[in-house]
């Protein structure tokens, strides 16, 4: 039964399958290279109101707890 399938495989089928397997790992390799080249490993939270940046907080290694209220419009508020 297996010999039947082996006879159906053409020489370039093996090459194409090998290339597809190698290319399937390409996104992982690109992501790994980007992560190692990233010099700034700080993570920030950005607060924006109507598309305008209002505040930015450093999240990496931050131990401080703050309660901040933003008023984007009359009668409306956001608590961060």
PDB file of N, CA and C in Angstrom:
ATOM      1  N   UNK A   1       0.826  -1.194   0.000  1.00  0.00           N
ATOM      2  CA  UNK A   1       0.000   0.000   0.000  1.00  0.00           C
ATOM      3  C   UNK A   1       0.871   1.259   0.000  1.00  0.00           C
ATOM      4  N   UNK A   2       1.924   1.274   0.795  1.00  0.00           N
ATOM      5  CA  UNK A   2       2.808   2.442   0.843  1.00  0.00           C
ATOM      6  C   UNK A   2       3.555   2.589  -0.476  1.00  0.00           C
ATOM      7  N   UNK A   3       3.917   1.497  -1.094  1.00  0.00           N
ATOM      8  CA  UNK A   3       4.638   1.578  -2.370  1.00  0.00           C
ATOM      9  C   UNK A   3       3.779   2.244  -3.443  1.00  0.00           C
ATOM     10  N   UNK A   4       2.485   2.100  -3.328  1.00  0.00           N
ATOM     11  CA  UNK A   4       1.568   2.748  -4.274  1.00  0.00           C
ATOM     12  C   UNK A   4       1.691   4.266  -4.175  1.00  0.00           C
ATOM     13  N   UNK A   5       1.783   4.779  -2.934  1.00  0.00           N
ATOM     14  CA  UNK A   5       1.901   6.222  -2.731  1.00  0.00           C
ATOM     15  C   UNK A   5       3.298   6.710  -3.097  1.00  0.00           C
ATOM     16  N   UNK A   6       4.311   5.909  -2.850  1.00  0.00           N
ATOM     17  CA  UNK A   6       5.673   6.303  -3.192  1.00  0.00           C
ATOM     18  C   UNK A   6       5.818   6.449  -4.703  1.00  0.00           C
ATOM     19  N   UNK A   7       5.157   5.594  -5.460  1.00  0.00           N
ATOM     20  CA  UNK A   7       5.210   5.681  -6.917  1.00  0.00           C
ATOM     21  C   UNK A   7       4.510   6.940  -7.430  1.00  0.00           C
ATOM     22  N   UNK A   8       3.573   7.479  -6.673  1.00  0.00           N
ATOM     23  CA  UNK A   8       2.845   8.675  -7.092  1.00  0.00           C
ATOM     24  C   UNK A   8       3.646   9.957  -6.863  1.00  0.00           C
ATOM     25  N   UNK A   9       4.649   9.923  -5.994  1.00  0.00           N
ATOM     26  CA  UNK A   9       5.425  11.111  -5.647  1.00  0.00           C
ATOM     27  C   UNK A   9       6.459  11.375  -6.732  1.00  0.00           C
ATOM     28  N   UNK A  10       6.447  12.588  -7.235  1.00  0.00           N
ATOM     29  CA  UNK A  10       7.418  13.018  -8.240  1.00  0.00           C
ATOM     30  C   UNK A  10       8.629  13.618  -7.533  1.00  0.00           C
ATOM     31  N   UNK A  11       9.794  13.696  -8.198  1.00  0.00           N
ATOM     32  CA  UNK A  11      10.997  14.237  -7.543  1.00  0.00           C
ATOM     33  C   UNK A  11      10.814  15.673  -7.047  1.00  0.00           C
ATOM     34  N   UNK A  12      10.130  16.515  -7.816  1.00  0.00           N
ATOM     35  CA  UNK A  12       9.966  17.907  -7.390  1.00  0.00           C
ATOM     36  C   UNK A  12       8.928  18.046  -6.277  1.00  0.00           C
ATOM     37  N   UNK A  13       8.087  17.054  -6.073  1.00  0.00           N
ATOM     38  CA  UNK A  13       7.149  17.080  -4.956  1.00  0.00           C
ATOM     39  C   UNK A  13       7.898  17.117  -3.636  1.00  0.00           C
ATOM     40  N   UNK A  14       8.961  16.352  -3.540  1.00  0.00           N
ATOM     41  CA  UNK A  14       9.760  16.316  -2.313  1.00  0.00           C
ATOM     42  C   UNK A  14      10.412  17.670  -2.089  1.00  0.00           C
ATOM     43  N   UNK A  15      10.910  18.292  -3.137  1.00  0.00           N
ATOM     44  CA  UNK A  15      11.543  19.606  -3.021  1.00  0.00           C
ATOM     45  C   UNK A  15      10.512  20.640  -2.576  1.00  0.00           C
ATOM     46  N   UNK A  16       9.337  20.617  -3.160  1.00  0.00           N
ATOM     47  CA  UNK A  16       8.289  21.581  -2.805  1.00  0.00           C
ATOM     48  C   UNK A  16       7.847  21.387  -1.357  1.00  0.00           C
ATOM     49  N   UNK A  17       7.665  20.167  -0.938  1.00  0.00           N
ATOM     50  CA  UNK A  17       7.264  19.901   0.448  1.00  0.00           C
ATOM     51  C   UNK A  17       8.337  20.374   1.417  1.00  0.00           C
ATOM     52  N   UNK A  18       9.606  20.115   1.089  1.00  0.00           N
ATOM     53  CA  UNK A  18      10.707  20.564   1.952  1.00  0.00           C
ATOM     54  C   UNK A  18      10.726  22.082   2.051  1.00  0.00           C
ATOM     55  N   UNK A  19      10.574  22.778   0.914  1.00  0.00           N
ATOM     56  CA  UNK A  19      10.567  24.245   0.937  1.00  0.00           C
ATOM     57  C   UNK A  19       9.394  24.798   1.738  1.00  0.00           C
ATOM     58  N   UNK A  20       8.238  24.186   1.627  1.00  0.00           N
ATOM     59  CA  UNK A  20       7.076  24.648   2.395  1.00  0.00           C
ATOM     60  C   UNK A  20       7.290  24.461   3.895  1.00  0.00           C
ATOM     61  N   UNK A  21       7.915  23.373   4.276  1.00  0.00           N
ATOM     62  CA  UNK A  21       8.193  23.147   5.699  1.00  0.00           C
ATOM     63  C   UNK A  21       9.188  24.181   6.201  1.00  0.00           C
ATOM     64  N   UNK A  22      10.235  24.446   5.426  1.00  0.00           N
ATOM     65  CA  UNK A  22      11.227  25.450   5.834  1.00  0.00           C
ATOM     66  C   UNK A  22      10.581  26.833   5.911  1.00  0.00           C
ATOM     67  N   UNK A  23       9.770  27.185   4.929  1.00  0.00           N
ATOM     68  CA  UNK A  23       9.119  28.500   4.922  1.00  0.00           C
ATOM     69  C   UNK A  23       8.093  28.658   6.045  1.00  0.00           C
ATOM     70  N   UNK A  24       7.562  27.561   6.555  1.00  0.00           N
ATOM     71  CA  UNK A  24       6.600  27.665   7.648  1.00  0.00           C
ATOM     72  C   UNK A  24       7.259  28.172   8.930  1.00  0.00           C
ATOM     73  N   UNK A  25       8.581  28.023   9.033  1.00  0.00           N
ATOM     74  CA  UNK A  25       9.293  28.517  10.208  1.00  0.00           C
ATOM     75  C   UNK A  25       9.791  29.952  10.022  1.00  0.00           C
ATOM     76  N   UNK A  26       9.618  30.520   8.860  1.00  0.00           N
ATOM     77  CA  UNK A  26      10.092  31.872   8.580  1.00  0.00           C
ATOM     78  C   UNK A  26       9.479  32.939   9.489  1.00  0.00           C
ATOM     79  N   UNK A  27       8.169  32.959   9.742  1.00  0.00           N
ATOM     80  CA  UNK A  27       7.625  33.983  10.652  1.00  0.00           C
ATOM     81  C   UNK A  27       8.222  33.897  12.063  1.00  0.00           C
ATOM     82  N   UNK A  28       8.463  32.700  12.540  1.00  0.00           N
ATOM     83  CA  UNK A  28       9.071  32.547  13.863  1.00  0.00           C
ATOM     84  C   UNK A  28      10.482  33.111  13.874  1.00  0.00           C
ATOM     85  N   UNK A  29      11.237  32.854  12.827  1.00  0.00           N
ATOM     86  CA  UNK A  29      12.599  33.374  12.743  1.00  0.00           C
ATOM     87  C   UNK A  29      12.608  34.894  12.660  1.00  0.00           C
ATOM     88  N   UNK A  30      11.720  35.467  11.872  1.00  0.00           N
ATOM     89  CA  UNK A  30      11.654  36.931  11.750  1.00  0.00           C
ATOM     90  C   UNK A  30      11.285  37.556  13.089  1.00  0.00           C
ATOM     91  N   UNK A  31      10.314  36.974  13.792  1.00  0.00           N
ATOM     92  CA  UNK A  31       9.906  37.503  15.094  1.00  0.00           C
ATOM     93  C   UNK A  31      11.059  37.423  16.087  1.00  0.00           C
ATOM     94  N   UNK A  32      11.810  36.323  16.087  1.00  0.00           N
ATOM     95  CA  UNK A  32      12.935  36.169  17.011  1.00  0.00           C
ATOM     96  C   UNK A  32      14.014  37.203  16.736  1.00  0.00           C
ATOM     97  N   UNK A  33      14.288  37.479  15.470  1.00  0.00           N
ATOM     98  CA  UNK A  33      15.294  38.483  15.123  1.00  0.00           C
ATOM     99  C   UNK A  33      14.838  39.865  15.559  1.00  0.00           C
ATOM    100  N   UNK A  34      13.567  40.175  15.376  1.00  0.00           N
ATOM    101  CA  UNK A  34      13.057  41.479  15.795  1.00  0.00           C
ATOM    102  C   UNK A  34      13.140  41.639  17.311  1.00  0.00           C
ATOM    103  N   UNK A  35      12.869  40.588  18.043  1.00  0.00           N
ATOM    104  CA  UNK A  35      12.917  40.663  19.507  1.00  0.00           C
ATOM    105  C   UNK A  35      14.349  40.859  19.994  1.00  0.00           C
ATOM    106  N   UNK A  36      15.320  40.226  19.353  1.00  0.00           N
ATOM    107  CA  UNK A  36      16.707  40.387  19.798  1.00  0.00           C
ATOM    108  C   UNK A  36      17.263  41.743  19.402  1.00  0.00           C
ATOM    109  N   UNK A  37      16.764  42.328  18.315  1.00  0.00           N
ATOM    110  CA  UNK A  37      17.232  43.638  17.878  1.00  0.00           C
ATOM    111  C   UNK A  37      16.541  44.780  18.612  1.00  0.00           C
ATOM    112  N   UNK A  38      15.536  44.479  19.400  1.00  0.00           N
ATOM    113  CA  UNK A  38      14.791  45.503  20.116  1.00  0.00           C
ATOM    114  C   UNK A  38      15.605  45.946  21.331  1.00  0.00           C
ATOM    115  N   UNK A  39      16.237  47.124  21.226  1.00  0.00           N
ATOM    116  CA  UNK A  39      17.058  47.631  22.325  1.00  0.00           C
ATOM    117  C   UNK A  39      16.219  48.168  23.468  1.00  0.00           C
ATOM    118  N   UNK A  40      15.073  48.745  23.156  1.00  0.00           N
ATOM    119  CA  UNK A  40      14.215  49.346  24.173  1.00  0.00           C
ATOM    120  C   UNK A  40      13.144  48.323  24.559  1.00  0.00           C
ATOM    121  N   UNK A  41      13.332  47.647  25.672  1.00  0.00           N
ATOM    122  CA  UNK A  41      12.392  46.619  26.107  1.00  0.00           C
ATOM    123  C   UNK A  41      11.338  47.164  27.063  1.00  0.00           C
ATOM    124  N   UNK A  42      11.220  48.484  27.148  1.00  0.00           N
ATOM    125  CA  UNK A  42      10.231  49.082  28.030  1.00  0.00           C
ATOM    126  C   UNK A  42       8.848  49.019  27.387  1.00  0.00           C
ATOM    127  N   UNK A  43       7.843  48.749  28.216  1.00  0.00           N
ATOM    128  CA  UNK A  43       6.463  48.687  27.756  1.00  0.00           C
ATOM    129  C   UNK A  43       5.718  49.864  28.378  1.00  0.00           C
ATOM    130  N   UNK A  44       4.985  50.598  27.522  1.00  0.00           N
ATOM    131  CA  UNK A  44       4.255  51.778  27.978  1.00  0.00           C
ATOM    132  C   UNK A  44       2.758  51.597  27.752  1.00  0.00           C
ATOM    133  N   UNK A  45       1.982  52.230  28.621  1.00  0.00           N
ATOM    134  CA  UNK A  45       0.547  52.356  28.420  1.00  0.00           C
ATOM    135  C   UNK A  45       0.303  53.795  27.976  1.00  0.00           C
ATOM    136  N   UNK A  46      -0.425  53.957  26.884  1.00  0.00           N
ATOM    137  CA  UNK A  46      -0.679  55.290  26.346  1.00  0.00           C
ATOM    138  C   UNK A  46      -2.163  55.592  26.506  1.00  0.00           C
ATOM    139  N   UNK A  47      -2.467  56.727  27.121  1.00  0.00           N
ATOM    140  CA  UNK A  47      -3.837  57.187  27.303  1.00  0.00           C
ATOM    141  C   UNK A  47      -4.090  58.262  26.258  1.00  0.00           C
ATOM    142  N   UNK A  48      -5.122  58.044  25.428  1.00  0.00           N
ATOM    143  CA  UNK A  48      -5.450  59.047  24.417  1.00  0.00           C
ATOM    144  C   UNK A  48      -6.946  59.346  24.477  1.00  0.00           C
ATOM    145  N   UNK A  49      -7.263  60.600  24.243  1.00  0.00           N
ATOM    146  CA  UNK A  49      -8.649  61.052  24.198  1.00  0.00           C
ATOM    147  C   UNK A  49      -8.848  61.726  22.847  1.00  0.00           C
ATOM    148  N   UNK A  50      -9.821  61.219  22.092  1.00  0.00           N
ATOM    149  CA  UNK A  50     -10.110  61.723  20.738  1.00  0.00           C
ATOM    150  C   UNK A  50      -8.865  61.688  19.853  1.00  0.00           C
ATOM    151  N   UNK A  51      -8.071  60.633  19.982  1.00  0.00           N
ATOM    152  CA  UNK A  51      -6.888  60.459  19.149  1.00  0.00           C
ATOM    153  C   UNK A  51      -5.684  61.267  19.577  1.00  0.00           C
ATOM    154  N   UNK A  52      -5.797  62.070  20.621  1.00  0.00           N
ATOM    155  CA  UNK A  52      -4.688  62.889  21.103  1.00  0.00           C
ATOM    156  C   UNK A  52      -4.102  62.251  22.354  1.00  0.00           C
ATOM    157  N   UNK A  53      -2.795  62.039  22.357  1.00  0.00           N
ATOM    158  CA  UNK A  53      -2.144  61.429  23.516  1.00  0.00           C
ATOM    159  C   UNK A  53      -2.194  62.380  24.704  1.00  0.00           C
ATOM    160  N   UNK A  54      -2.763  61.886  25.807  1.00  0.00           N
ATOM    161  CA  UNK A  54      -2.913  62.693  27.006  1.00  0.00           C
ATOM    162  C   UNK A  54      -1.844  62.347  28.028  1.00  0.00           C
ATOM    163  N   UNK A  55      -1.520  61.076  28.147  1.00  0.00           N
ATOM    164  CA  UNK A  55      -0.563  60.640  29.153  1.00  0.00           C
ATOM    165  C   UNK A  55       0.090  59.342  28.702  1.00  0.00           C
ATOM    166  N   UNK A  56       1.239  59.032  29.283  1.00  0.00           N
ATOM    167  CA  UNK A  56       1.982  57.815  28.974  1.00  0.00           C
ATOM    168  C   UNK A  56       2.597  57.303  30.280  1.00  0.00           C
ATOM    169  N   UNK A  57       2.404  56.001  30.541  1.00  0.00           N
ATOM    170  CA  UNK A  57       2.911  55.397  31.771  1.00  0.00           C
ATOM    171  C   UNK A  57       3.868  54.264  31.445  1.00  0.00           C
ATOM    172  N   UNK A  58       4.974  54.217  32.159  1.00  0.00           N
ATOM    173  CA  UNK A  58       5.916  53.112  32.025  1.00  0.00           C
ATOM    174  C   UNK A  58       5.380  51.922  32.804  1.00  0.00           C
ATOM    175  N   UNK A  59       5.196  50.781  32.130  1.00  0.00           N
ATOM    176  CA  UNK A  59       4.677  49.588  32.787  1.00  0.00           C
ATOM    177  C   UNK A  59       5.787  48.639  33.228  1.00  0.00           C
ATOM    178  N   UNK A  60       6.914  48.662  32.545  1.00  0.00           N
ATOM    179  CA  UNK A  60       8.007  47.746  32.846  1.00  0.00           C
ATOM    180  C   UNK A  60       8.619  48.104  34.195  1.00  0.00           C
ATOM    181  N   UNK A  61       8.530  47.194  35.137  1.00  0.00           N
ATOM    182  CA  UNK A  61       9.140  47.382  36.451  1.00  0.00           C
ATOM    183  C   UNK A  61       8.471  48.428  37.318  1.00  0.00           C
ATOM    184  N   UNK A  62       7.300  48.889  36.936  1.00  0.00           N
ATOM    185  CA  UNK A  62       6.617  49.928  37.693  1.00  0.00           C
ATOM    186  C   UNK A  62       5.878  49.300  38.876  1.00  0.00           C
ATOM    187  N   UNK A  63       6.162  49.786  40.074  1.00  0.00           N
ATOM    188  CA  UNK A  63       5.509  49.297  41.299  1.00  0.00           C
ATOM    189  C   UNK A  63       4.522  50.320  41.852  1.00  0.00           C
ATOM    190  N   UNK A  64       4.472  51.499  41.242  1.00  0.00           N
ATOM    191  CA  UNK A  64       3.640  52.590  41.744  1.00  0.00           C
ATOM    192  C   UNK A  64       2.178  52.372  41.336  1.00  0.00           C
ATOM    193  N   UNK A  65       1.266  52.677  42.271  1.00  0.00           N
ATOM    194  CA  UNK A  65      -0.167  52.586  41.999  1.00  0.00           C
ATOM    195  C   UNK A  65      -0.751  53.992  42.084  1.00  0.00           C
ATOM    196  N   UNK A  66      -1.385  54.412  40.985  1.00  0.00           N
ATOM    197  CA  UNK A  66      -2.001  55.733  40.956  1.00  0.00           C
ATOM    198  C   UNK A  66      -3.417  55.611  40.426  1.00  0.00           C
ATOM    199  N   UNK A  67      -4.274  56.482  40.884  1.00  0.00           N
ATOM    200  CA  UNK A  67      -5.645  56.574  40.389  1.00  0.00           C
ATOM    201  C   UNK A  67      -5.781  57.938  39.730  1.00  0.00           C
ATOM    202  N   UNK A  68      -5.995  57.940  38.418  1.00  0.00           N
ATOM    203  CA  UNK A  68      -6.063  59.186  37.670  1.00  0.00           C
ATOM    204  C   UNK A  68      -7.411  59.242  36.959  1.00  0.00           C
ATOM    205  N   UNK A  69      -8.032  60.415  36.987  1.00  0.00           N
ATOM    206  CA  UNK A  69      -9.322  60.614  36.333  1.00  0.00           C
ATOM    207  C   UNK A  69      -9.147  61.588  35.179  1.00  0.00           C
ATOM    208  N   UNK A  70      -9.686  61.214  34.022  1.00  0.00           N
ATOM    209  CA  UNK A  70      -9.640  62.070  32.838  1.00  0.00           C
ATOM    210  C   UNK A  70     -11.073  62.474  32.487  1.00  0.00           C
ATOM    211  N   UNK A  71     -11.216  63.703  32.052  1.00  0.00           N
ATOM    212  CA  UNK A  71     -12.519  64.228  31.678  1.00  0.00           C
ATOM    213  C   UNK A  71     -12.507  64.581  30.191  1.00  0.00           C
ATOM    214  N   UNK A  72     -12.878  63.643  29.323  1.00  0.00           N
ATOM    215  CA  UNK A  72     -12.814  63.904  27.879  1.00  0.00           C
ATOM    216  C   UNK A  72     -13.909  64.855  27.377  1.00  0.00           C
ATOM    217  N   UNK A  73     -15.025  64.884  28.080  1.00  0.00           N
ATOM    218  CA  UNK A  73     -16.130  65.755  27.671  1.00  0.00           C
ATOM    219  C   UNK A  73     -16.940  66.096  28.922  1.00  0.00           C
ATOM    220  N   UNK A  74     -17.730  67.160  28.852  1.00  0.00           N
ATOM    221  CA  UNK A  74     -18.546  67.532  30.007  1.00  0.00           C
ATOM    222  C   UNK A  74     -19.491  66.380  30.403  1.00  0.00           C
ATOM    223  N   UNK A  75     -19.476  66.019  31.664  1.00  0.00           N
ATOM    224  CA  UNK A  75     -20.356  64.967  32.175  1.00  0.00           C
ATOM    225  C   UNK A  75     -19.820  63.555  31.947  1.00  0.00           C
ATOM    226  N   UNK A  76     -18.651  63.422  31.350  1.00  0.00           N
ATOM    227  CA  UNK A  76     -18.045  62.116  31.118  1.00  0.00           C
ATOM    228  C   UNK A  76     -16.672  62.061  31.758  1.00  0.00           C
ATOM    229  N   UNK A  77     -16.298  60.860  32.218  1.00  0.00           N
ATOM    230  CA  UNK A  77     -14.987  60.718  32.827  1.00  0.00           C
ATOM    231  C   UNK A  77     -14.474  59.288  32.643  1.00  0.00           C
ATOM    232  N   UNK A  78     -13.165  59.143  32.720  1.00  0.00           N
ATOM    233  CA  UNK A  78     -12.494  57.845  32.643  1.00  0.00           C
ATOM    234  C   UNK A  78     -11.545  57.752  33.840  1.00  0.00           C
ATOM    235  N   UNK A  79     -11.579  56.622  34.509  1.00  0.00           N
ATOM    236  CA  UNK A  79     -10.693  56.390  35.645  1.00  0.00           C
ATOM    237  C   UNK A  79      -9.670  55.338  35.243  1.00  0.00           C
ATOM    238  N   UNK A  80      -8.398  55.692  35.406  1.00  0.00           N
ATOM    239  CA  UNK A  80      -7.311  54.770  35.094  1.00  0.00           C
ATOM    240  C   UNK A  80      -6.572  54.497  36.376  1.00  0.00           C
TER     241      UNK A  80
END
